[in-house]
Amino acid sequence: MATRLGLGLPQNKQYNLGRDVPDVARAAERIGYESLWVYERLLVPDPATQGLYGIDGLPWPDGYRGVAEPLVTLTLAAAATERARLGTSVLVAPLHVPFQLAKALATLDAASGGRVVAGLGTGWSLDEYAAASVRPFEERGQVLDELIEVCRAVWGPDPVAYDGRVTKIASAVVGPKPARPIPILLAAASKKAQRRLVDHADGWMPVGMGAEALAAQWRGLRELAAERGRTEPIRTVLRTNADYRAQGYDGADRRPFQGSVDQIVEDLAAHAEVGLDEIFIDLQHGTQDAQELKDVAAEVYEKARAAGV
């Protein structure tokens, strides 16, 4: 069976959100993409206090200066589409009040006819935590654990009750309910995070940084699931961050998904061999406007399918 393909929505500062998000969402569905995705970036420290991903000296992309709020972006896309799944890759869970996020996701799922996929992570930006977190950075794993439990409770039958460190829900009716159980996927890079995924989540959401490394991670995760007695399948969605360059990239140090459409498709094919359920590609970092994003997305889709992805 062919790998399902999805597309990242335009959230970066070069796009006109009210016009471009619905336009790109409709075009993606028409092209054949089966899912639409958003990411979360609250702010860019200026001057920089921390490198990208917490790596000293790694600069923040200029496009991060004004990233649209993810659930608002998904709502715009939901209203413009009929079939495509609506995913987050990822929401930084501890930057959200658990009860309010659970209710927002349930509302979007109910309104869209059961299309939401909740990808969650713990993030890395100390500046974002200082601005918005519900608990200190050091407690991010505990907050994610609670948020997953709160979501399950809020999305489940009434009356809802929960007694946690951040969230206190006395017996209450909470609606609307999701149209169906919303799948929760975790980024889960560390061993501790992978144990959380195996024990409490529906799936895994890695980033495409090389097919061999991805295959090794996937083998390790399945082995961990077997060790911990998990029998349910792990749903898998791979995020790929493209650095599109129309002229291609001929350097020996080319990173995965960097370069022309043909080079991006070559990497898609290699990563698809790992055997994950779905791959989505975020092209907004290398395209200048919505028209170029749509054109490149159409070419990537056509060539990927022709290559057997």
Protein backbone atom coordinates (compact mmCIF):
# COMPACT_ATOMS: atom_id res chain seq x y z
CA MET A 1 0.00 0.00 0.00
CA ALA A 2 1.32 3.46 -0.88
CA THR A 3 2.50 5.67 1.96
CA ARG A 4 -0.01 8.35 2.83
CA LEU A 5 1.25 11.84 2.05
CA GLY A 6 0.48 15.10 3.84
CA LEU A 7 1.48 18.75 3.51
CA GLY A 8 2.50 21.43 6.01
CA LEU A 9 0.28 24.52 5.97
CA PRO A 10 1.68 28.04 5.47
CA GLN A 11 2.19 29.60 8.91
CA ASN A 12 5.39 31.60 8.47
CA LYS A 13 5.60 35.34 8.22
CA GLN A 14 5.79 35.54 4.39
CA TYR A 15 2.21 34.28 4.02
CA ASN A 16 -1.16 36.02 4.19
CA LEU A 17 -2.92 33.71 6.63
CA GLY A 18 -6.54 34.55 5.94
CA ARG A 19 -6.06 34.08 2.21
CA ASP A 20 -3.22 31.58 1.90
CA VAL A 21 -4.15 28.96 4.49
CA PRO A 22 -7.57 28.14 2.96
CA ASP A 23 -6.12 28.42 -0.55
CA VAL A 24 -3.23 26.01 0.11
CA ALA A 25 -5.49 23.64 2.08
CA ARG A 26 -7.98 23.38 -0.78
CA ALA A 27 -5.19 22.94 -3.33
CA ALA A 28 -3.50 20.23 -1.26
CA GLU A 29 -6.72 18.24 -0.96
CA ARG A 30 -7.30 18.63 -4.70
CA ILE A 31 -3.76 17.45 -5.49
CA GLY A 32 -4.29 14.32 -3.40
CA TYR A 33 -2.61 15.05 -0.08
CA GLU A 34 -4.46 13.21 2.67
CA SER A 35 -3.50 15.39 5.63
CA LEU A 36 -2.61 18.98 6.55
CA TRP A 37 -0.21 19.89 9.35
CA VAL A 38 0.80 22.78 11.58
CA TYR A 39 3.63 23.37 14.03
CA GLU A 40 4.05 25.59 17.07
CA ARG A 41 6.57 28.39 17.59
CA LEU A 42 5.48 31.08 20.05
CA LEU A 43 8.28 33.59 19.75
CA VAL A 44 11.85 34.28 18.67
CA PRO A 45 14.13 35.77 21.35
CA ASP A 46 15.76 38.96 20.10
CA PRO A 47 18.62 39.09 20.78
CA ALA A 48 19.01 35.31 20.84
CA THR A 49 19.48 33.82 24.28
CA GLN A 50 19.56 30.20 23.15
CA GLY A 51 20.37 28.47 19.86
CA LEU A 52 17.75 26.70 17.75
CA TYR A 53 16.72 23.39 19.39
CA GLY A 54 18.85 24.47 22.35
CA ILE A 55 22.06 23.97 20.31
CA ASP A 56 24.62 26.69 21.00
CA GLY A 57 25.32 28.87 17.98
CA LEU A 58 22.59 27.43 15.75
CA PRO A 59 20.60 30.41 14.41
CA TRP A 60 16.83 30.61 14.42
CA PRO A 61 15.31 30.72 10.89
CA ASP A 62 14.04 34.14 9.91
CA GLY A 63 10.68 32.59 9.01
CA TYR A 64 10.07 31.84 12.68
CA ARG A 65 9.58 35.56 13.34
CA GLY A 66 5.80 35.48 13.36
CA VAL A 67 4.54 31.89 13.18
CA ALA A 68 0.73 31.70 13.21
CA GLU A 69 -1.01 30.02 16.13
CA PRO A 70 -1.48 26.36 15.14
CA LEU A 71 -5.08 25.65 16.11
CA VAL A 72 -6.33 28.89 14.52
CA THR A 73 -4.46 27.86 11.35
CA LEU A 74 -6.02 24.38 11.43
CA THR A 75 -9.47 25.89 11.90
CA LEU A 76 -9.01 27.96 8.75
CA ALA A 77 -7.98 24.80 6.90
CA ALA A 78 -10.85 22.76 8.33
CA ALA A 79 -13.42 25.21 7.03
CA ALA A 80 -11.90 25.05 3.53
CA THR A 81 -11.62 21.26 3.20
CA GLU A 82 -13.75 18.15 3.45
CA ARG A 83 -11.55 15.06 3.72
CA ALA A 84 -7.96 15.87 4.75
CA ARG A 85 -6.92 15.00 8.28
CA LEU A 86 -5.85 17.97 10.41
CA GLY A 87 -2.69 17.36 12.41
CA THR A 88 -0.36 19.13 14.82
CA SER A 89 3.37 18.43 14.59
CA VAL A 90 3.74 19.33 17.26
CA LEU A 91 1.92 21.27 19.92
CA VAL A 92 4.29 22.01 22.79
CA ALA A 93 2.04 20.55 25.45
CA PRO A 94 3.34 22.37 28.57
CA LEU A 95 2.67 25.74 26.93
CA HIS A 96 -1.08 24.99 27.10
CA VAL A 97 -3.55 24.73 29.94
CA PRO A 98 -4.48 21.02 29.64
CA PHE A 99 -8.24 21.39 30.05
CA GLN A 100 -8.52 24.22 27.54
CA LEU A 101 -6.38 22.42 24.96
CA ALA A 102 -8.43 19.23 25.36
CA LYS A 103 -11.64 21.19 24.80
CA ALA A 104 -10.24 23.07 21.81
CA LEU A 105 -9.10 19.86 20.11
CA ALA A 106 -12.46 18.20 20.81
CA THR A 107 -14.32 21.18 19.35
CA LEU A 108 -12.21 21.20 16.19
CA ASP A 109 -12.66 17.44 15.78
CA ALA A 110 -16.44 17.70 16.22
CA ALA A 111 -16.64 20.61 13.76
CA SER A 112 -14.47 18.89 11.13
CA GLY A 113 -16.19 15.52 11.24
CA GLY A 114 -13.48 13.61 13.07
CA ARG A 115 -10.33 14.71 11.28
CA VAL A 116 -7.99 15.87 14.06
CA VAL A 117 -4.65 14.18 14.89
CA ALA A 118 -3.01 15.51 18.06
CA GLY A 119 0.78 15.46 17.82
CA LEU A 120 2.34 16.54 21.12
CA GLY A 121 5.83 17.24 22.40
CA THR A 122 7.65 18.94 25.26
CA GLY A 123 9.62 21.56 23.31
CA TRP A 124 13.03 23.02 24.08
CA SER A 125 12.81 26.83 24.09
CA LEU A 126 13.45 28.26 27.55
CA ASP A 127 12.11 31.64 26.36
CA GLU A 128 8.78 30.10 25.34
CA TYR A 129 8.54 28.37 28.71
CA ALA A 130 9.25 31.65 30.50
CA ALA A 131 6.46 33.34 28.52
CA ALA A 132 3.72 30.74 28.54
CA SER A 133 4.29 27.45 30.39
CA VAL A 134 1.93 26.17 33.04
CA ARG A 135 4.84 24.63 35.01
CA PRO A 136 8.64 25.07 34.98
CA PHE A 137 10.73 23.63 32.13
CA GLU A 138 12.09 20.92 34.44
CA GLU A 139 8.56 19.53 34.88
CA ARG A 140 7.70 19.37 31.18
CA GLY A 141 7.41 15.57 31.09
CA GLN A 142 5.02 15.54 34.03
CA VAL A 143 2.85 18.18 32.36
CA LEU A 144 2.69 16.14 29.15
CA ASP A 145 1.67 13.07 31.15
CA GLU A 146 -1.13 15.03 32.81
CA LEU A 147 -2.25 16.62 29.55
CA ILE A 148 -2.67 13.19 27.94
CA GLU A 149 -4.74 12.02 30.91
CA VAL A 150 -6.87 15.17 30.87
CA CYS A 151 -7.54 14.79 27.15
CA ARG A 152 -8.65 11.18 27.60
CA ALA A 153 -10.95 12.24 30.43
CA VAL A 154 -12.45 15.29 28.69
CA TRP A 155 -12.99 13.37 25.44
CA GLY A 156 -14.59 10.48 27.29
CA PRO A 157 -18.07 10.03 28.74
CA ASP A 158 -19.66 12.46 31.16
CA PRO A 159 -19.44 13.15 33.98
CA VAL A 160 -15.78 14.09 33.70
CA ALA A 161 -13.61 14.20 36.82
CA TYR A 162 -9.86 14.66 37.22
CA ASP A 163 -7.57 15.54 40.10
CA GLY A 164 -4.05 16.42 38.98
CA ARG A 165 -1.25 18.83 39.74
CA VAL A 166 -2.31 21.41 37.13
CA THR A 167 -5.89 20.35 36.48
CA LYS A 168 -8.78 19.96 38.93
CA ILE A 169 -12.12 18.94 37.42
CA ALA A 170 -14.95 18.22 39.78
CA SER A 171 -17.67 15.98 38.35
CA ALA A 172 -18.86 17.89 35.29
CA VAL A 173 -20.45 17.68 31.88
CA VAL A 174 -17.91 18.76 29.22
CA GLY A 175 -18.74 19.12 25.54
CA PRO A 176 -18.66 18.99 22.65
CA LYS A 177 -17.14 15.55 22.44
CA PRO A 178 -14.86 14.61 19.53
CA ALA A 179 -16.50 12.88 16.61
CA ARG A 180 -14.28 9.86 17.35
CA PRO A 181 -11.33 9.16 19.65
CA ILE A 182 -8.62 11.65 18.68
CA PRO A 183 -5.30 9.87 18.15
CA ILE A 184 -2.43 11.21 20.26
CA LEU A 185 1.03 11.01 18.70
CA LEU A 186 4.28 11.92 20.45
CA ALA A 187 7.60 13.12 19.08
CA ALA A 188 9.39 10.94 21.66
CA ALA A 189 13.10 11.18 20.91
CA SER A 190 14.49 10.08 24.30
CA LYS A 191 14.11 6.65 25.91
CA LYS A 192 11.94 8.08 28.67
CA ALA A 193 9.69 9.76 26.10
CA GLN A 194 9.48 6.54 24.11
CA ARG A 195 8.31 4.66 27.19
CA ARG A 196 5.61 7.29 27.62
CA LEU A 197 4.59 6.77 24.00
CA VAL A 198 4.47 2.97 24.25
CA ASP A 199 2.45 3.07 27.47
CA HIS A 200 0.09 6.00 26.88
CA ALA A 201 -0.05 7.26 23.27
CA ASP A 202 -1.39 6.06 19.95
CA GLY A 203 1.57 6.82 17.75
CA TRP A 204 4.97 8.21 16.95
CA MET A 205 5.90 11.39 15.10
CA PRO A 206 9.63 11.48 14.25
CA VAL A 207 11.47 14.00 12.05
CA GLY A 208 13.17 12.90 8.83
CA MET A 209 16.90 13.32 9.43
CA GLY A 210 18.12 10.37 7.36
CA ALA A 211 16.57 7.03 6.40
CA GLU A 212 19.13 4.85 8.20
CA ALA A 213 18.76 6.71 11.48
CA LEU A 214 14.97 6.61 11.15
CA ALA A 215 14.99 2.87 10.54
CA ALA A 216 17.14 2.31 13.63
CA GLN A 217 14.82 4.46 15.76
CA TRP A 218 11.77 2.59 14.47
CA ARG A 219 13.33 -0.81 15.24
CA GLY A 220 14.21 0.36 18.72
CA LEU A 221 10.70 1.64 19.38
CA ARG A 222 9.10 -1.62 18.25
CA GLU A 223 11.49 -3.59 20.44
CA LEU A 224 10.57 -1.39 23.41
CA ALA A 225 6.87 -1.92 22.70
CA ALA A 226 7.38 -5.68 22.69
CA GLU A 227 9.34 -5.52 25.94
CA ARG A 228 6.56 -3.53 27.62
CA GLY A 229 3.83 -5.83 26.34
CA ARG A 230 2.12 -3.42 23.97
CA THR A 231 -0.11 -5.24 21.51
CA GLU A 232 -1.78 -2.27 19.82
CA PRO A 233 -0.07 -1.07 16.62
CA ILE A 234 1.90 2.18 16.80
CA ARG A 235 0.62 4.71 14.28
CA THR A 236 3.51 6.49 12.56
CA VAL A 237 3.70 9.91 10.87
CA LEU A 238 7.05 11.25 9.68
CA ARG A 239 7.61 15.00 9.57
CA THR A 240 10.00 16.18 6.85
CA ASN A 241 11.28 19.76 6.88
CA ALA A 242 12.22 20.69 3.33
CA ASP A 243 14.78 23.29 2.33
CA TYR A 244 13.53 23.73 -1.23
CA ARG A 245 15.95 25.18 -3.75
CA ALA A 246 14.73 25.37 -7.34
CA GLN A 247 18.24 25.03 -8.75
CA GLY A 248 19.03 22.01 -6.60
CA TYR A 249 21.89 21.43 -4.19
CA ASP A 250 25.11 19.85 -5.42
CA GLY A 251 27.18 19.94 -2.23
CA ALA A 252 28.48 16.72 -0.73
CA ASP A 253 27.06 17.86 2.62
CA ARG A 254 23.44 18.05 1.37
CA ARG A 255 21.03 17.39 4.21
CA PRO A 256 17.94 15.20 3.80
CA PHE A 257 15.12 17.08 2.01
CA GLN A 258 17.41 19.88 0.93
CA GLY A 259 17.45 20.81 -2.75
CA SER A 260 15.30 20.50 -5.85
CA VAL A 261 12.00 18.65 -6.18
CA ASP A 262 13.85 15.63 -7.59
CA GLN A 263 16.22 15.59 -4.63
CA ILE A 264 13.36 15.96 -2.15
CA VAL A 265 11.48 13.10 -3.83
CA GLU A 266 14.62 10.95 -3.73
CA ASP A 267 14.73 11.46 0.03
CA LEU A 268 10.99 10.80 0.36
CA ALA A 269 11.44 7.47 -1.42
CA ALA A 270 14.34 6.48 0.84
CA HIS A 271 12.42 7.35 4.01
CA ALA A 272 9.28 5.60 2.73
CA GLU A 273 11.28 2.36 2.55
CA VAL A 274 11.40 2.38 6.35
CA GLY A 275 7.72 1.45 6.29
CA LEU A 276 5.94 4.18 8.24
CA ASP A 277 2.23 4.84 7.74
CA GLU A 278 2.43 8.43 6.60
CA ILE A 279 4.91 11.14 5.60
CA PHE A 280 4.17 14.82 5.43
CA ILE A 281 6.39 17.46 3.93
CA ASP A 282 6.70 21.05 5.10
CA LEU A 283 7.72 23.19 2.12
CA GLN A 284 7.07 26.65 3.53
CA HIS A 285 10.67 27.31 4.56
CA GLY A 286 11.91 27.28 0.97
CA THR A 287 8.99 28.81 -0.91
CA GLN A 288 8.37 32.54 -1.21
CA ASP A 289 4.58 32.67 -1.45
CA ALA A 290 1.46 30.51 -1.59
CA GLN A 291 1.56 30.09 -5.37
CA GLU A 292 5.09 28.70 -5.29
CA LEU A 293 4.17 26.49 -2.34
CA LYS A 294 1.22 25.04 -4.26
CA ASP A 295 3.27 24.55 -7.43
CA VAL A 296 6.11 22.79 -5.64
CA ALA A 297 3.68 20.69 -3.59
CA ALA A 298 1.93 19.52 -6.75
CA GLU A 299 5.24 18.57 -8.40
CA VAL A 300 6.47 16.76 -5.29
CA TYR A 301 3.23 14.78 -5.04
CA GLU A 302 3.21 13.80 -8.71
CA LYS A 303 6.86 12.73 -8.75
CA ALA A 304 6.62 10.94 -5.40
CA ARG A 305 3.70 8.84 -6.61
CA ALA A 306 5.52 8.14 -9.88
CA ALA A 307 8.50 6.94 -7.81
CA GLY A 308 6.28 4.52 -5.92
CA VAL A 309 6.00 6.46 -2.68
